[in-house]
N, C-alpha and C. Protein backbone atom coordinates (compact mmCIF):
# COMPACT_ATOMS: atom_id res chain seq x y z
N MET A 1 0.86 -1.17 0.00
CA MET A 1 0.00 0.00 0.00
C MET A 1 0.90 1.22 0.00
N GLN A 2 0.65 2.12 -0.92
CA GLN A 2 1.41 3.35 -0.92
C GLN A 2 0.65 4.43 -0.18
N THR A 3 1.37 5.16 0.64
CA THR A 3 0.72 6.27 1.33
C THR A 3 0.67 7.45 0.39
N ARG A 4 -0.13 8.40 0.75
CA ARG A 4 -0.27 9.56 -0.12
C ARG A 4 1.03 10.34 -0.11
N LYS A 5 1.30 11.00 -1.22
CA LYS A 5 2.52 11.77 -1.34
C LYS A 5 2.36 13.07 -0.57
N SER A 6 3.45 13.58 -0.05
CA SER A 6 3.37 14.81 0.74
C SER A 6 2.86 15.98 -0.07
N THR A 7 2.94 15.89 -1.40
CA THR A 7 2.48 16.98 -2.25
C THR A 7 0.99 16.86 -2.58
N ASP A 8 0.37 15.74 -2.23
CA ASP A 8 -1.05 15.56 -2.51
C ASP A 8 -1.89 16.48 -1.63
N VAL A 9 -2.89 17.06 -2.22
CA VAL A 9 -3.86 17.85 -1.48
C VAL A 9 -5.20 17.15 -1.64
N LEU A 10 -5.82 16.86 -0.53
CA LEU A 10 -7.10 16.17 -0.59
C LEU A 10 -8.19 17.14 -1.02
N VAL A 11 -9.14 16.64 -1.79
CA VAL A 11 -10.25 17.45 -2.25
C VAL A 11 -11.11 17.80 -1.03
N PRO A 12 -11.33 19.09 -0.77
CA PRO A 12 -12.13 19.48 0.40
C PRO A 12 -13.52 18.85 0.37
N GLY A 13 -13.94 18.35 1.53
CA GLY A 13 -15.27 17.77 1.66
C GLY A 13 -15.41 16.35 1.13
N ARG A 14 -14.35 15.82 0.55
CA ARG A 14 -14.41 14.46 -0.01
C ARG A 14 -13.86 13.49 1.02
N ASP A 15 -14.71 12.54 1.45
CA ASP A 15 -14.22 11.53 2.38
C ASP A 15 -14.63 10.15 1.90
N CYS A 16 -14.13 9.15 2.56
CA CYS A 16 -14.34 7.77 2.15
C CYS A 16 -15.79 7.32 2.27
N GLY A 17 -16.52 7.89 3.23
CA GLY A 17 -17.90 7.44 3.43
C GLY A 17 -17.92 5.97 3.75
N ALA A 18 -18.78 5.22 3.07
CA ALA A 18 -18.92 3.79 3.32
C ALA A 18 -17.92 2.94 2.53
N CYS A 19 -17.06 3.59 1.74
CA CYS A 19 -16.10 2.84 0.92
C CYS A 19 -15.01 2.23 1.80
N THR A 20 -14.78 0.95 1.62
CA THR A 20 -13.71 0.25 2.34
C THR A 20 -12.83 -0.53 1.36
N ALA A 21 -12.74 -0.05 0.12
CA ALA A 21 -11.97 -0.76 -0.90
C ALA A 21 -10.51 -0.96 -0.47
N CYS A 22 -9.89 0.08 0.08
CA CYS A 22 -8.49 -0.07 0.49
C CYS A 22 -8.36 -1.05 1.65
N CYS A 23 -9.38 -1.15 2.49
CA CYS A 23 -9.36 -2.06 3.64
C CYS A 23 -9.50 -3.52 3.23
N THR A 24 -9.98 -3.74 2.02
CA THR A 24 -10.23 -5.08 1.55
C THR A 24 -9.34 -5.48 0.37
N ASP A 25 -9.17 -4.58 -0.57
CA ASP A 25 -8.59 -4.95 -1.86
C ASP A 25 -7.09 -4.74 -1.98
N LEU A 26 -6.45 -4.17 -0.97
CA LEU A 26 -5.01 -3.94 -1.01
C LEU A 26 -4.29 -4.86 -0.03
N THR A 27 -3.07 -5.23 -0.38
CA THR A 27 -2.19 -5.91 0.57
C THR A 27 -1.63 -4.84 1.49
N ILE A 28 -1.70 -5.07 2.78
CA ILE A 28 -1.16 -4.12 3.75
C ILE A 28 -0.25 -4.91 4.70
N MET A 29 1.02 -4.59 4.65
CA MET A 29 2.01 -5.30 5.47
C MET A 29 2.93 -4.30 6.15
N GLU A 30 2.35 -3.37 6.85
CA GLU A 30 3.15 -2.40 7.57
C GLU A 30 2.28 -1.71 8.61
N GLY A 31 2.93 -1.02 9.50
CA GLY A 31 2.23 -0.22 10.48
C GLY A 31 1.28 -0.98 11.39
N GLY A 32 1.56 -2.23 11.68
CA GLY A 32 0.71 -2.99 12.58
C GLY A 32 -0.34 -3.83 11.90
N ILE A 33 -0.39 -3.80 10.56
CA ILE A 33 -1.37 -4.58 9.82
C ILE A 33 -0.63 -5.56 8.92
N ASP A 34 -1.10 -6.78 8.85
CA ASP A 34 -0.53 -7.79 7.97
C ASP A 34 -1.68 -8.56 7.35
N LYS A 35 -2.14 -8.08 6.20
CA LYS A 35 -3.28 -8.75 5.54
C LYS A 35 -3.07 -8.79 4.04
N PRO A 36 -3.46 -9.89 3.43
CA PRO A 36 -3.35 -9.98 1.97
C PRO A 36 -4.51 -9.26 1.28
N ALA A 37 -4.29 -8.93 0.03
CA ALA A 37 -5.36 -8.37 -0.79
C ALA A 37 -6.50 -9.38 -0.88
N GLY A 38 -7.71 -8.89 -0.90
CA GLY A 38 -8.86 -9.78 -1.05
C GLY A 38 -9.51 -10.18 0.27
N LEU A 39 -8.89 -9.84 1.37
CA LEU A 39 -9.48 -10.10 2.68
C LEU A 39 -9.64 -8.78 3.42
N ALA A 40 -10.76 -8.60 4.06
CA ALA A 40 -11.00 -7.37 4.80
C ALA A 40 -10.11 -7.33 6.04
N CYS A 41 -9.67 -6.14 6.36
CA CYS A 41 -8.96 -5.92 7.61
C CYS A 41 -9.86 -6.35 8.76
N GLU A 42 -9.27 -6.86 9.82
CA GLU A 42 -10.07 -7.33 10.95
C GLU A 42 -10.89 -6.22 11.60
N HIS A 43 -10.55 -4.95 11.34
CA HIS A 43 -11.27 -3.83 11.93
C HIS A 43 -12.32 -3.23 10.99
N CYS A 44 -12.41 -3.78 9.79
CA CYS A 44 -13.35 -3.28 8.79
C CYS A 44 -14.77 -3.71 9.16
N ILE A 45 -15.68 -2.75 9.17
CA ILE A 45 -17.07 -3.02 9.52
C ILE A 45 -17.86 -3.33 8.26
N VAL A 46 -18.62 -4.41 8.28
CA VAL A 46 -19.48 -4.75 7.15
C VAL A 46 -20.43 -3.58 6.92
N GLY A 47 -20.53 -3.13 5.69
CA GLY A 47 -21.37 -1.98 5.38
C GLY A 47 -20.60 -0.68 5.37
N GLY A 48 -19.32 -0.72 5.71
CA GLY A 48 -18.47 0.45 5.60
C GLY A 48 -18.02 1.02 6.92
N GLY A 49 -16.76 1.40 6.94
CA GLY A 49 -16.22 2.05 8.12
C GLY A 49 -15.18 1.22 8.82
N CYS A 50 -14.63 1.81 9.85
CA CYS A 50 -13.56 1.19 10.62
C CYS A 50 -13.94 1.18 12.09
N ALA A 51 -13.84 0.03 12.71
CA ALA A 51 -14.20 -0.10 14.11
C ALA A 51 -13.26 0.67 15.04
N ILE A 52 -12.05 0.94 14.57
CA ILE A 52 -11.09 1.67 15.40
C ILE A 52 -10.70 2.98 14.73
N TYR A 53 -11.62 3.61 14.03
CA TYR A 53 -11.33 4.78 13.21
C TYR A 53 -10.55 5.86 13.98
N GLU A 54 -10.98 6.19 15.17
CA GLU A 54 -10.33 7.27 15.93
C GLU A 54 -8.90 6.92 16.33
N THR A 55 -8.60 5.63 16.46
CA THR A 55 -7.26 5.21 16.86
C THR A 55 -6.62 4.32 15.79
N ARG A 56 -7.09 4.44 14.55
CA ARG A 56 -6.59 3.58 13.48
C ARG A 56 -5.09 3.74 13.27
N PHE A 57 -4.49 2.75 12.65
CA PHE A 57 -3.06 2.72 12.41
C PHE A 57 -2.63 3.89 11.53
N SER A 58 -1.40 4.33 11.67
CA SER A 58 -0.91 5.47 10.89
C SER A 58 -0.93 5.17 9.40
N ILE A 59 -0.67 3.93 9.00
CA ILE A 59 -0.72 3.60 7.58
C ILE A 59 -2.11 3.88 7.02
N CYS A 60 -3.12 3.63 7.80
CA CYS A 60 -4.50 3.88 7.36
C CYS A 60 -4.81 5.38 7.40
N ARG A 61 -4.33 6.04 8.41
CA ARG A 61 -4.57 7.47 8.57
C ARG A 61 -3.91 8.26 7.42
N ASP A 62 -2.74 7.80 6.97
CA ASP A 62 -1.97 8.52 5.95
C ASP A 62 -2.32 8.11 4.52
N TYR A 63 -3.01 7.00 4.34
CA TYR A 63 -3.31 6.52 3.00
C TYR A 63 -4.57 7.17 2.44
N HIS A 64 -4.51 7.53 1.16
CA HIS A 64 -5.68 8.02 0.44
C HIS A 64 -5.56 7.58 -1.01
N CYS A 65 -6.61 7.03 -1.55
CA CYS A 65 -6.59 6.64 -2.96
C CYS A 65 -6.57 7.90 -3.82
N VAL A 66 -6.31 7.73 -5.10
CA VAL A 66 -6.21 8.86 -6.01
C VAL A 66 -7.53 9.64 -6.07
N TRP A 67 -8.66 8.97 -5.93
CA TRP A 67 -9.95 9.66 -5.98
C TRP A 67 -10.04 10.76 -4.93
N ARG A 68 -9.43 10.55 -3.78
CA ARG A 68 -9.48 11.55 -2.70
C ARG A 68 -8.71 12.82 -3.04
N SER A 69 -7.73 12.75 -3.95
CA SER A 69 -6.88 13.90 -4.23
C SER A 69 -7.01 14.46 -5.65
N MET A 70 -7.85 13.88 -6.47
CA MET A 70 -7.98 14.33 -7.85
C MET A 70 -9.36 14.98 -8.05
N PRO A 71 -9.42 16.32 -8.07
CA PRO A 71 -10.70 17.02 -8.15
C PRO A 71 -11.51 16.69 -9.41
N GLY A 72 -10.84 16.30 -10.49
CA GLY A 72 -11.54 16.00 -11.73
C GLY A 72 -12.35 14.72 -11.69
N LEU A 73 -12.15 13.92 -10.66
CA LEU A 73 -12.92 12.69 -10.51
C LEU A 73 -14.11 12.97 -9.60
N ASP A 74 -15.31 12.88 -10.15
CA ASP A 74 -16.50 13.19 -9.34
C ASP A 74 -16.82 12.04 -8.38
N ASP A 75 -17.89 12.21 -7.61
CA ASP A 75 -18.24 11.22 -6.59
C ASP A 75 -18.51 9.82 -7.16
N SER A 76 -18.89 9.75 -8.43
CA SER A 76 -19.15 8.43 -9.01
C SER A 76 -17.86 7.62 -9.17
N TRP A 77 -16.69 8.27 -9.04
CA TRP A 77 -15.42 7.56 -9.13
C TRP A 77 -14.94 7.03 -7.79
N ARG A 78 -15.71 7.25 -6.72
CA ARG A 78 -15.32 6.64 -5.45
C ARG A 78 -15.22 5.14 -5.72
N PRO A 79 -14.18 4.48 -5.26
CA PRO A 79 -13.92 3.09 -5.64
C PRO A 79 -15.11 2.13 -5.49
N ASP A 80 -15.86 2.23 -4.41
CA ASP A 80 -16.98 1.30 -4.23
C ASP A 80 -18.11 1.59 -5.21
N ARG A 81 -18.15 2.76 -5.79
CA ARG A 81 -19.18 3.10 -6.78
C ARG A 81 -18.72 2.82 -8.21
N SER A 82 -17.45 3.07 -8.47
CA SER A 82 -16.94 2.95 -9.84
C SER A 82 -16.45 1.55 -10.19
N GLY A 83 -16.08 0.77 -9.19
CA GLY A 83 -15.51 -0.55 -9.45
C GLY A 83 -14.02 -0.48 -9.77
N VAL A 84 -13.42 0.70 -9.55
CA VAL A 84 -11.99 0.89 -9.84
C VAL A 84 -11.35 1.61 -8.66
N LEU A 85 -10.35 0.98 -8.08
CA LEU A 85 -9.56 1.60 -7.03
C LEU A 85 -8.30 2.13 -7.69
N ILE A 86 -8.15 3.45 -7.72
CA ILE A 86 -7.01 4.07 -8.38
C ILE A 86 -5.96 4.36 -7.30
N VAL A 87 -4.78 3.78 -7.51
CA VAL A 87 -3.72 3.85 -6.53
C VAL A 87 -2.47 4.45 -7.18
N TRP A 88 -1.77 5.33 -6.46
CA TRP A 88 -0.50 5.81 -7.00
C TRP A 88 0.44 4.64 -7.14
N GLY A 89 1.04 4.50 -8.30
CA GLY A 89 2.01 3.44 -8.54
C GLY A 89 3.42 3.97 -8.47
N THR A 90 4.38 3.10 -8.66
CA THR A 90 5.78 3.48 -8.68
C THR A 90 6.20 3.63 -10.13
N PRO A 91 6.50 4.86 -10.56
CA PRO A 91 6.82 5.05 -11.98
C PRO A 91 8.20 4.50 -12.34
N PRO A 92 8.28 3.75 -13.42
CA PRO A 92 9.59 3.28 -13.88
C PRO A 92 10.30 4.42 -14.62
N TYR A 93 11.52 4.18 -14.99
CA TYR A 93 12.29 5.17 -15.74
C TYR A 93 11.49 5.62 -16.97
N GLY A 94 11.47 6.90 -17.20
CA GLY A 94 10.76 7.44 -18.36
C GLY A 94 9.39 8.01 -18.01
N TYR A 95 8.93 7.76 -16.81
CA TYR A 95 7.63 8.28 -16.37
C TYR A 95 7.81 9.04 -15.06
N LYS A 96 7.11 10.16 -14.95
CA LYS A 96 7.16 10.93 -13.71
C LYS A 96 6.11 10.41 -12.72
N HIS A 97 4.98 9.90 -13.25
CA HIS A 97 3.89 9.42 -12.41
C HIS A 97 3.35 8.10 -12.97
N ALA A 98 2.76 7.32 -12.09
CA ALA A 98 2.11 6.07 -12.48
C ALA A 98 0.89 5.85 -11.62
N VAL A 99 -0.13 5.26 -12.21
CA VAL A 99 -1.33 4.88 -11.45
C VAL A 99 -1.66 3.43 -11.76
N ASP A 100 -2.09 2.73 -10.72
CA ASP A 100 -2.63 1.38 -10.88
C ASP A 100 -4.14 1.51 -10.88
N LEU A 101 -4.76 0.98 -11.90
CA LEU A 101 -6.22 0.97 -12.02
C LEU A 101 -6.67 -0.44 -11.64
N LEU A 102 -6.95 -0.62 -10.35
CA LEU A 102 -7.29 -1.93 -9.79
C LEU A 102 -8.77 -2.19 -10.00
N LEU A 103 -9.07 -3.17 -10.83
CA LEU A 103 -10.46 -3.52 -11.11
C LEU A 103 -11.05 -4.28 -9.93
N ILE A 104 -11.97 -3.64 -9.20
CA ILE A 104 -12.62 -4.29 -8.07
C ILE A 104 -14.10 -4.54 -8.36
N GLY A 105 -14.55 -4.07 -9.52
CA GLY A 105 -15.93 -4.28 -9.95
C GLY A 105 -15.98 -5.32 -11.06
N PRO A 106 -17.12 -5.44 -11.72
CA PRO A 106 -17.25 -6.44 -12.78
C PRO A 106 -16.39 -6.09 -14.00
N PRO A 107 -16.01 -7.09 -14.80
CA PRO A 107 -15.16 -6.86 -15.98
C PRO A 107 -15.74 -5.82 -16.95
N GLU A 108 -17.07 -5.71 -17.00
CA GLU A 108 -17.69 -4.77 -17.92
C GLU A 108 -17.28 -3.33 -17.62
N THR A 109 -16.81 -3.09 -16.41
CA THR A 109 -16.34 -1.75 -16.03
C THR A 109 -15.27 -1.26 -17.00
N LEU A 110 -14.39 -2.18 -17.43
CA LEU A 110 -13.30 -1.82 -18.33
C LEU A 110 -13.79 -1.35 -19.69
N GLU A 111 -14.96 -1.77 -20.10
CA GLU A 111 -15.47 -1.44 -21.42
C GLU A 111 -16.31 -0.17 -21.42
N SER A 112 -16.51 0.42 -20.25
CA SER A 112 -17.34 1.62 -20.18
C SER A 112 -16.60 2.81 -20.79
N GLU A 113 -17.35 3.69 -21.37
CA GLU A 113 -16.77 4.89 -21.95
C GLU A 113 -16.06 5.72 -20.88
N ARG A 114 -16.61 5.71 -19.67
CA ARG A 114 -16.00 6.45 -18.55
C ARG A 114 -14.61 5.92 -18.22
N PHE A 115 -14.49 4.60 -18.08
CA PHE A 115 -13.20 4.01 -17.74
C PHE A 115 -12.19 4.27 -18.85
N ILE A 116 -12.61 4.05 -20.08
CA ILE A 116 -11.70 4.26 -21.21
C ILE A 116 -11.28 5.73 -21.29
N GLY A 117 -12.21 6.63 -21.04
CA GLY A 117 -11.87 8.05 -21.04
C GLY A 117 -10.86 8.39 -19.97
N LEU A 118 -11.02 7.81 -18.79
CA LEU A 118 -10.07 8.04 -17.70
C LEU A 118 -8.70 7.48 -18.05
N ALA A 119 -8.66 6.25 -18.53
CA ALA A 119 -7.39 5.64 -18.91
C ALA A 119 -6.72 6.46 -20.02
N ALA A 120 -7.50 6.90 -20.99
CA ALA A 120 -6.95 7.70 -22.09
C ALA A 120 -6.38 9.02 -21.57
N ALA A 121 -7.06 9.63 -20.60
CA ALA A 121 -6.56 10.89 -20.03
C ALA A 121 -5.21 10.69 -19.36
N PHE A 122 -5.06 9.60 -18.62
CA PHE A 122 -3.76 9.32 -18.00
C PHE A 122 -2.69 9.11 -19.08
N VAL A 123 -3.01 8.31 -20.09
CA VAL A 123 -2.06 8.02 -21.16
C VAL A 123 -1.65 9.31 -21.88
N GLU A 124 -2.64 10.14 -22.23
CA GLU A 124 -2.35 11.37 -22.96
C GLU A 124 -1.52 12.35 -22.12
N ARG A 125 -1.58 12.26 -20.83
CA ARG A 125 -0.79 13.14 -19.94
C ARG A 125 0.58 12.55 -19.61
N GLY A 126 0.89 11.41 -20.21
CA GLY A 126 2.20 10.80 -19.99
C GLY A 126 2.32 10.09 -18.65
N ILE A 127 1.20 9.74 -18.06
CA ILE A 127 1.19 9.00 -16.80
C ILE A 127 1.08 7.52 -17.14
N LEU A 128 1.97 6.71 -16.57
CA LEU A 128 1.89 5.27 -16.81
C LEU A 128 0.61 4.74 -16.16
N ALA A 129 -0.25 4.13 -16.96
CA ALA A 129 -1.49 3.53 -16.46
C ALA A 129 -1.32 2.01 -16.49
N VAL A 130 -1.53 1.39 -15.35
CA VAL A 130 -1.38 -0.06 -15.22
C VAL A 130 -2.73 -0.65 -14.83
N LEU A 131 -3.21 -1.56 -15.65
CA LEU A 131 -4.43 -2.28 -15.32
C LEU A 131 -4.06 -3.40 -14.36
N ALA A 132 -4.72 -3.45 -13.22
CA ALA A 132 -4.42 -4.44 -12.19
C ALA A 132 -5.68 -5.26 -11.91
N LEU A 133 -5.50 -6.56 -11.83
CA LEU A 133 -6.62 -7.48 -11.65
C LEU A 133 -6.37 -8.35 -10.42
N PRO A 134 -7.17 -8.17 -9.36
CA PRO A 134 -7.01 -9.02 -8.18
C PRO A 134 -7.30 -10.47 -8.54
N ARG A 135 -6.54 -11.38 -7.97
CA ARG A 135 -6.72 -12.79 -8.28
C ARG A 135 -7.30 -13.58 -7.13
N GLY A 136 -7.40 -12.97 -5.96
CA GLY A 136 -7.99 -13.66 -4.81
C GLY A 136 -7.11 -13.55 -3.60
N PRO A 137 -7.66 -13.86 -2.42
CA PRO A 137 -6.90 -13.76 -1.18
C PRO A 137 -5.63 -14.59 -1.22
N GLY A 138 -4.53 -13.96 -0.84
CA GLY A 138 -3.25 -14.67 -0.80
C GLY A 138 -2.59 -14.84 -2.16
N LEU A 139 -3.19 -14.27 -3.21
CA LEU A 139 -2.61 -14.38 -4.55
C LEU A 139 -2.11 -13.02 -5.00
N LEU A 140 -1.07 -13.04 -5.83
CA LEU A 140 -0.55 -11.79 -6.37
C LEU A 140 -1.53 -11.21 -7.38
N THR A 141 -1.65 -9.90 -7.38
CA THR A 141 -2.47 -9.20 -8.37
C THR A 141 -1.74 -9.27 -9.70
N THR A 142 -2.47 -9.57 -10.77
CA THR A 142 -1.91 -9.58 -12.11
C THR A 142 -2.04 -8.17 -12.67
N SER A 143 -0.98 -7.67 -13.28
CA SER A 143 -1.05 -6.31 -13.82
C SER A 143 -0.33 -6.21 -15.15
N VAL A 144 -0.79 -5.23 -15.95
CA VAL A 144 -0.18 -4.99 -17.25
C VAL A 144 -0.28 -3.50 -17.56
N PRO A 145 0.83 -2.88 -18.03
CA PRO A 145 0.75 -1.49 -18.45
C PRO A 145 -0.13 -1.39 -19.69
N ILE A 146 -0.95 -0.36 -19.76
CA ILE A 146 -1.89 -0.26 -20.89
C ILE A 146 -1.63 0.93 -21.80
N ASN A 147 -0.60 1.72 -21.54
CA ASN A 147 -0.33 2.88 -22.38
C ASN A 147 -0.13 2.50 -23.84
N ASP A 148 0.85 1.61 -24.10
CA ASP A 148 1.12 1.21 -25.49
C ASP A 148 -0.04 0.44 -26.08
N LEU A 149 -0.68 -0.37 -25.26
CA LEU A 149 -1.83 -1.15 -25.71
C LEU A 149 -2.94 -0.24 -26.25
N LEU A 150 -3.26 0.81 -25.50
CA LEU A 150 -4.38 1.68 -25.86
C LEU A 150 -4.03 2.80 -26.85
N ARG A 151 -2.75 3.08 -27.02
CA ARG A 151 -2.35 4.22 -27.84
C ARG A 151 -3.00 4.25 -29.22
N PRO A 152 -3.03 3.13 -29.98
CA PRO A 152 -3.67 3.19 -31.31
C PRO A 152 -5.16 3.57 -31.23
N ALA A 153 -5.86 3.05 -30.25
CA ALA A 153 -7.29 3.36 -30.10
C ALA A 153 -7.48 4.82 -29.68
N ILE A 154 -6.58 5.31 -28.82
CA ILE A 154 -6.68 6.70 -28.37
C ILE A 154 -6.42 7.65 -29.53
N GLU A 155 -5.35 7.37 -30.28
CA GLU A 155 -5.01 8.24 -31.42
C GLU A 155 -6.11 8.24 -32.47
N ALA A 156 -6.77 7.10 -32.67
CA ALA A 156 -7.85 7.00 -33.65
C ALA A 156 -9.19 7.45 -33.06
N ARG A 157 -9.21 7.73 -31.74
CA ARG A 157 -10.46 8.07 -31.04
C ARG A 157 -11.52 7.01 -31.33
N ASN A 158 -11.09 5.74 -31.19
CA ASN A 158 -11.94 4.61 -31.53
C ASN A 158 -12.32 3.85 -30.25
N LEU A 159 -13.51 4.14 -29.75
CA LEU A 159 -13.99 3.51 -28.51
C LEU A 159 -14.10 2.01 -28.66
N THR A 160 -14.62 1.54 -29.77
CA THR A 160 -14.80 0.10 -29.98
C THR A 160 -13.46 -0.63 -29.94
N LEU A 161 -12.45 -0.05 -30.57
CA LEU A 161 -11.12 -0.66 -30.55
C LEU A 161 -10.58 -0.69 -29.12
N ALA A 162 -10.74 0.39 -28.38
CA ALA A 162 -10.29 0.44 -26.99
C ALA A 162 -11.00 -0.63 -26.17
N GLN A 163 -12.30 -0.79 -26.36
CA GLN A 163 -13.05 -1.82 -25.64
C GLN A 163 -12.52 -3.21 -25.97
N ASP A 164 -12.28 -3.47 -27.26
CA ASP A 164 -11.76 -4.77 -27.68
C ASP A 164 -10.38 -5.04 -27.07
N LEU A 165 -9.53 -4.02 -27.08
CA LEU A 165 -8.18 -4.19 -26.55
C LEU A 165 -8.20 -4.46 -25.04
N LEU A 166 -9.03 -3.73 -24.31
CA LEU A 166 -9.11 -3.94 -22.86
C LEU A 166 -9.76 -5.29 -22.52
N ARG A 167 -10.77 -5.68 -23.28
CA ARG A 167 -11.40 -6.99 -23.06
C ARG A 167 -10.37 -8.09 -23.29
N SER A 168 -9.59 -7.96 -24.35
CA SER A 168 -8.56 -8.95 -24.66
C SER A 168 -7.49 -8.99 -23.57
N ALA A 169 -7.05 -7.82 -23.12
CA ALA A 169 -6.04 -7.77 -22.05
C ALA A 169 -6.58 -8.42 -20.78
N HIS A 170 -7.84 -8.13 -20.44
CA HIS A 170 -8.47 -8.73 -19.26
C HIS A 170 -8.50 -10.25 -19.38
N ASP A 171 -8.94 -10.74 -20.54
CA ASP A 171 -9.03 -12.19 -20.75
C ASP A 171 -7.65 -12.85 -20.68
N GLN A 172 -6.64 -12.19 -21.25
CA GLN A 172 -5.28 -12.74 -21.18
C GLN A 172 -4.77 -12.76 -19.75
N MET A 173 -5.09 -11.73 -18.98
CA MET A 173 -4.67 -11.70 -17.59
C MET A 173 -5.34 -12.83 -16.80
N LEU A 174 -6.62 -13.07 -17.06
CA LEU A 174 -7.32 -14.16 -16.37
C LEU A 174 -6.76 -15.52 -16.76
N ALA A 175 -6.26 -15.65 -18.00
CA ALA A 175 -5.72 -16.92 -18.47
C ALA A 175 -4.35 -17.22 -17.86
N MET A 176 -3.69 -16.19 -17.33
CA MET A 176 -2.38 -16.41 -16.69
C MET A 176 -2.58 -17.21 -15.41
N PRO A 177 -1.65 -18.09 -15.09
CA PRO A 177 -1.78 -18.81 -13.82
C PRO A 177 -1.70 -17.83 -12.65
N ALA A 178 -2.58 -18.01 -11.70
CA ALA A 178 -2.54 -17.18 -10.49
C ALA A 178 -1.37 -17.64 -9.64
N GLU A 179 -0.62 -16.67 -9.12
CA GLU A 179 0.55 -16.99 -8.32
C GLU A 179 0.29 -16.65 -6.86
N ALA A 180 0.74 -17.53 -5.99
CA ALA A 180 0.61 -17.26 -4.54
C ALA A 180 1.53 -16.11 -4.18
N ASP A 181 1.04 -15.24 -3.33
CA ASP A 181 1.84 -14.15 -2.81
C ASP A 181 2.85 -14.79 -1.85
N PRO A 182 4.14 -14.71 -2.15
CA PRO A 182 5.12 -15.40 -1.31
C PRO A 182 5.13 -14.89 0.14
N ARG A 183 4.60 -13.71 0.35
CA ARG A 183 4.54 -13.18 1.72
C ARG A 183 3.50 -13.93 2.56
N TYR A 184 2.62 -14.66 1.89
CA TYR A 184 1.56 -15.38 2.61
C TYR A 184 1.56 -16.87 2.31
N ALA A 185 2.57 -17.35 1.64
CA ALA A 185 2.62 -18.77 1.26
C ALA A 185 3.00 -19.65 2.43
């Protein structure tokens, strides 16, 4: 889990509400928490929230998904509503920023015009966009960079091609053998 960058400014009035995507869908192995992706934190309340919110761990207090700090993403992009948990990634050489687009909703989410528009915006701004697919508790998330994959569809402004490319990438990712997270093996 990456904590928010010191330069991030949270959108005023935007809070997690009932969303607990980070409490469930991310691997957290620091700050007093040791849980694999796909399992809810022991303090996560069914229906949303944290049982120890006022005294929660610093890793939780300091973490915010990209939706919390990006004003251009409206309330419908909150992870539990959009089906996508957007997380700051670690940019490789050649990129200043990277985002992981963790699919936590149904596969059809990837084919929506909204998702493709968001991915295209990241690509056009030179931000590395990585499609990430959870594989289950105790398993490593499968991920693939989508900048080069989507570039032809973005340049042609071809939604159908983008949908086909993302559907194919998703299917190929599902066909890959799921690997156990060695931290939990």
